[in-house]
């Protein structure tokens, strides 16, 4: 199973919401693209489902990890021009499922921010790359976000408690998937790469062991080369679907 060919990206986007499972997911996959959106005047917000308390590579006490990773994500967001970062509560890192509760909370976030575009992780597994993009939490958030985009956020009869909170239905016009199979919408992020690297380095608990600059240039250079971009260019790739 794969995605259909991407639709052309809409040219009149004003707001975009990025929904991901853990602090750092958005920066590993999308920070260059988001920096470019910020440059273009698009208002971007993040909705992060967990505080990533099962992540990390050192002996930081587990009780300290959620606050540390939240602070890291806020610093990373600032590096690419994102001011608003919201976190959900009650969805434990490592055991996420596309539950009705998660769908409701993401739909509430969509209705609250009212984005034209939603960016999230792919709900489709990459069998040739089981690590990283195919983390079960990533797949679960991709599926829950897809359901929140359609039908939950636009259906006034879905989760009626949201109406009681003053959250009116909202139609997301475009959905971007990161990390899925055969992404074919390529974004040249060469001019934004320094900010992507800064965003990734802000996640010190996750990247201190990694040569971030080398990792970014190697991966994004291969993405650009596979897409036929000139030598020396760097790119991120997505699948883009219309939802109207």
Protein backbone atom coordinates (compact mmCIF):
# COMPACT_ATOMS: atom_id res chain seq x y z
CA UNK A 1 0.00 0.00 0.00
CA UNK A 2 1.20 3.50 -0.81
CA UNK A 3 -0.17 6.99 -1.28
CA UNK A 4 -1.50 8.44 -4.52
CA UNK A 5 0.54 11.08 -6.29
CA UNK A 6 0.66 14.32 -4.33
CA UNK A 7 -1.67 17.16 -5.16
CA UNK A 8 -0.05 20.53 -5.90
CA UNK A 9 0.40 22.45 -2.67
CA UNK A 10 -2.21 25.15 -2.14
CA UNK A 11 -0.79 28.63 -2.79
CA UNK A 12 -2.92 30.61 -0.32
CA UNK A 13 -2.17 28.92 3.01
CA UNK A 14 -2.28 31.25 6.02
CA UNK A 15 -2.02 28.82 8.96
CA UNK A 16 -0.46 25.38 9.34
CA UNK A 17 -0.63 23.00 12.29
CA UNK A 18 2.01 20.31 12.80
CA UNK A 19 0.79 17.32 14.87
CA UNK A 20 3.41 14.82 16.03
CA UNK A 21 3.86 12.19 18.71
CA UNK A 22 7.06 13.32 20.42
CA UNK A 23 9.22 16.39 20.90
CA UNK A 24 11.82 16.31 18.07
CA UNK A 25 9.68 14.38 15.52
CA UNK A 26 8.78 17.55 13.66
CA UNK A 27 12.39 18.78 13.63
CA UNK A 28 13.98 15.59 12.35
CA UNK A 29 11.50 15.40 9.47
CA UNK A 30 10.22 18.86 8.70
CA UNK A 31 12.07 21.75 10.36
CA UNK A 32 13.57 23.06 7.12
CA UNK A 33 10.18 23.14 5.43
CA UNK A 34 8.59 24.84 8.43
CA UNK A 35 11.32 27.48 8.50
CA UNK A 36 10.46 28.18 4.85
CA UNK A 37 6.76 28.47 5.68
CA UNK A 38 7.62 30.96 8.41
CA UNK A 39 9.69 32.93 5.90
CA UNK A 40 6.65 33.02 3.60
CA UNK A 41 4.45 34.49 6.33
CA UNK A 42 2.54 31.30 7.19
CA UNK A 43 1.64 31.11 10.88
CA UNK A 44 2.71 27.68 12.13
CA UNK A 45 1.78 26.02 15.42
CA UNK A 46 2.80 22.68 16.92
CA UNK A 47 0.59 20.16 18.70
CA UNK A 48 2.72 17.51 20.41
CA UNK A 49 0.91 14.47 21.78
CA UNK A 50 3.45 13.40 24.45
CA UNK A 51 6.39 14.91 26.28
CA UNK A 52 8.64 12.07 25.19
CA UNK A 53 9.38 10.69 28.64
CA UNK A 54 10.63 7.33 27.31
CA UNK A 55 13.24 9.01 25.08
CA UNK A 56 16.84 9.92 25.74
CA UNK A 57 20.25 8.28 25.79
CA UNK A 58 21.72 9.19 29.17
CA UNK A 59 20.92 8.62 32.85
CA UNK A 60 18.61 11.62 33.25
CA UNK A 61 16.00 10.62 35.87
CA UNK A 62 12.79 9.71 34.12
CA UNK A 63 10.79 12.13 36.25
CA UNK A 64 12.83 15.02 34.84
CA UNK A 65 12.53 14.06 31.18
CA UNK A 66 9.06 15.47 30.33
CA UNK A 67 9.88 19.03 31.44
CA UNK A 68 13.30 18.84 29.80
CA UNK A 69 11.92 17.69 26.48
CA UNK A 70 9.11 20.24 26.52
CA UNK A 71 11.69 23.00 26.99
CA UNK A 72 13.79 21.54 24.17
CA UNK A 73 10.82 21.53 21.81
CA UNK A 74 9.97 25.14 22.58
CA UNK A 75 13.57 26.17 21.88
CA UNK A 76 13.59 24.16 18.64
CA UNK A 77 10.34 25.76 17.53
CA UNK A 78 11.73 29.23 18.12
CA UNK A 79 14.70 28.40 15.89
CA UNK A 80 12.36 28.01 12.88
CA UNK A 81 10.00 30.87 13.69
CA UNK A 82 7.25 28.93 15.51
CA UNK A 83 5.85 30.68 18.58
CA UNK A 84 2.97 28.42 19.59
CA UNK A 85 3.68 24.93 20.93
CA UNK A 86 0.88 23.02 22.69
CA UNK A 87 1.19 19.66 24.40
CA UNK A 88 -1.55 17.15 25.08
CA UNK A 89 -1.95 15.38 28.41
CA UNK A 90 -3.07 11.85 29.17
CA UNK A 91 -1.51 10.05 26.18
CA UNK A 92 1.50 8.00 27.39
CA UNK A 93 4.68 7.97 25.34
CA UNK A 94 5.37 4.57 23.79
CA UNK A 95 1.85 3.14 23.84
CA UNK A 96 -0.16 5.52 21.65
CA UNK A 97 -3.12 4.26 19.67
CA UNK A 98 -5.52 6.17 17.36
CA UNK A 99 -8.12 6.09 20.10
CA UNK A 100 -11.32 8.14 20.17
CA UNK A 101 -9.78 10.15 23.01
CA UNK A 102 -6.71 11.05 20.95
CA UNK A 103 -8.87 11.88 17.92
CA UNK A 104 -10.99 14.17 20.07
CA UNK A 105 -7.98 15.98 21.51
CA UNK A 106 -6.42 16.50 18.08
CA UNK A 107 -9.75 17.63 16.65
CA UNK A 108 -9.97 20.14 19.50
CA UNK A 109 -6.51 21.42 18.60
CA UNK A 110 -7.53 21.80 14.97
CA UNK A 111 -10.73 23.65 15.85
CA UNK A 112 -8.81 25.88 18.25
CA UNK A 113 -6.05 26.91 15.78
CA UNK A 114 -8.16 26.66 12.58
CA UNK A 115 -5.37 25.78 10.14
CA UNK A 116 -5.62 25.57 6.36
CA UNK A 117 -2.91 22.87 6.34
CA UNK A 118 -2.14 20.05 8.75
CA UNK A 119 1.26 18.35 8.74
CA UNK A 120 1.64 15.01 10.53
CA UNK A 121 3.44 11.70 10.44
CA UNK A 122 2.44 9.10 7.90
CA UNK A 123 -0.14 6.55 9.02
CA UNK A 124 1.39 4.08 6.53
CA UNK A 125 4.36 1.97 7.58
CA UNK A 126 7.55 1.93 5.52
CA UNK A 127 8.50 -1.74 5.46
CA UNK A 128 11.98 -0.96 4.14
CA UNK A 129 12.58 1.44 7.08
CA UNK A 130 11.04 0.05 10.25
CA UNK A 131 12.99 2.39 12.55
CA UNK A 132 12.27 6.09 12.81
CA UNK A 133 9.29 6.86 10.56
CA UNK A 134 7.59 3.56 11.37
CA UNK A 135 7.65 3.96 15.15
CA UNK A 136 4.21 2.77 16.36
CA UNK A 137 3.55 6.13 18.06
CA UNK A 138 4.19 7.94 14.77
CA UNK A 139 1.79 5.69 12.90
CA UNK A 140 -0.86 6.07 15.61
CA UNK A 141 -0.65 9.87 15.57
CA UNK A 142 -0.76 9.92 11.78
CA UNK A 143 -3.94 7.82 11.81
CA UNK A 144 -5.57 9.77 14.64
CA UNK A 145 -4.75 13.08 12.97
CA UNK A 146 -6.15 11.86 9.66
CA UNK A 147 -9.41 10.96 11.42
CA UNK A 148 -9.40 14.30 13.23
CA UNK A 149 -9.03 16.14 9.93
CA UNK A 150 -11.86 14.08 8.42
CA UNK A 151 -14.44 13.73 9.76
CA UNK A 152 -13.96 14.84 13.35
CA UNK A 153 -12.90 18.48 13.16
CA UNK A 154 -15.50 19.39 10.53
CA UNK A 155 -18.44 17.37 11.87
CA UNK A 156 -20.37 19.33 14.48
CA UNK A 157 -21.96 16.11 15.72
CA UNK A 158 -18.59 14.46 16.44
CA UNK A 159 -17.49 14.95 20.04
CA UNK A 160 -20.31 17.34 20.96
CA UNK A 161 -18.43 18.32 24.10
CA UNK A 162 -16.15 20.39 21.84
CA UNK A 163 -19.09 22.58 20.89
CA UNK A 164 -19.82 23.04 24.55
CA UNK A 165 -16.26 24.35 24.91
CA UNK A 166 -16.90 26.88 22.14
CA UNK A 167 -14.87 24.98 19.52
CA UNK A 168 -16.81 25.30 16.28
CA UNK A 169 -16.24 22.89 13.37
CA UNK A 170 -13.37 23.63 11.02
CA UNK A 171 -12.45 22.26 7.57
CA UNK A 172 -8.75 21.61 6.98
CA UNK A 173 -8.08 22.05 3.27
CA UNK A 174 -4.79 20.19 2.89
CA UNK A 175 -2.96 17.35 4.65
CA UNK A 176 0.80 16.76 4.49
CA UNK A 177 2.38 13.46 5.54
CA UNK A 178 6.02 13.14 6.60
CA UNK A 179 7.99 9.92 6.75
CA UNK A 180 5.68 7.82 4.60
CA UNK A 181 6.39 5.55 1.63
CA UNK A 182 7.55 7.13 -1.64
CA UNK A 183 7.09 10.83 -0.78
CA UNK A 184 6.93 12.83 -4.00
CA UNK A 185 6.42 16.46 -2.96
CA UNK A 186 9.96 17.76 -2.56
CA UNK A 187 10.77 21.01 -0.76
CA UNK A 188 14.20 22.61 -1.33
CA UNK A 189 15.36 23.65 2.15
CA UNK A 190 18.96 24.55 1.32
CA UNK A 191 18.48 28.13 2.48
CA UNK A 192 16.86 26.97 5.74
CA UNK A 193 19.29 24.20 6.65
CA UNK A 194 21.14 26.14 9.35
CA UNK A 195 17.87 26.68 11.20
CA UNK A 196 16.94 23.02 10.86
CA UNK A 197 20.29 22.06 12.35
CA UNK A 198 19.76 24.54 15.20
CA UNK A 199 16.30 23.11 15.87
CA UNK A 200 17.63 19.57 16.00
CA UNK A 201 20.51 20.56 18.27
CA UNK A 202 18.01 22.13 20.66
CA UNK A 203 16.87 18.55 21.41
CA UNK A 204 20.08 17.94 23.31
CA UNK A 205 18.73 14.93 25.19
CA UNK A 206 18.10 13.21 21.85
CA UNK A 207 20.90 14.48 19.61
CA UNK A 208 23.98 15.03 21.80
CA UNK A 209 25.42 11.75 20.55
CA UNK A 210 24.80 12.67 16.89
CA UNK A 211 26.80 14.79 14.43
CA UNK A 212 23.67 16.71 13.51
CA UNK A 213 25.12 18.76 10.66
CA UNK A 214 26.61 15.69 8.95
CA UNK A 215 23.40 13.72 9.44
CA UNK A 216 21.27 16.49 7.97
CA UNK A 217 23.49 17.14 4.97
CA UNK A 218 23.78 13.44 4.17
CA UNK A 219 20.06 12.65 4.40
CA UNK A 220 18.72 15.84 2.81
CA UNK A 221 21.35 15.69 0.10
CA UNK A 222 20.18 12.20 -0.85
CA UNK A 223 16.54 13.33 -0.87
CA UNK A 224 17.44 16.23 -3.16
CA UNK A 225 19.56 14.04 -5.44
CA UNK A 226 16.84 11.41 -5.75
CA UNK A 227 14.43 14.19 -6.75
CA UNK A 228 16.76 15.43 -9.48
CA UNK A 229 17.75 18.69 -7.80
CA UNK A 230 21.18 20.13 -8.64
CA UNK A 231 24.23 18.95 -6.73
CA UNK A 232 24.63 20.70 -3.42
CA UNK A 233 20.92 21.25 -2.82
CA UNK A 234 19.13 19.86 0.25
CA UNK A 235 15.48 18.81 0.45
CA UNK A 236 12.72 17.32 2.56
CA UNK A 237 9.95 15.25 0.99
CA UNK A 238 6.27 14.72 1.76
CA UNK A 239 2.98 13.42 0.44
CA UNK A 240 0.33 16.12 -0.04
CA UNK A 241 -3.39 15.35 -0.14
CA UNK A 242 -6.38 17.64 -0.61
CA UNK A 243 -9.21 17.23 1.88
CA UNK A 244 -11.95 19.38 0.33
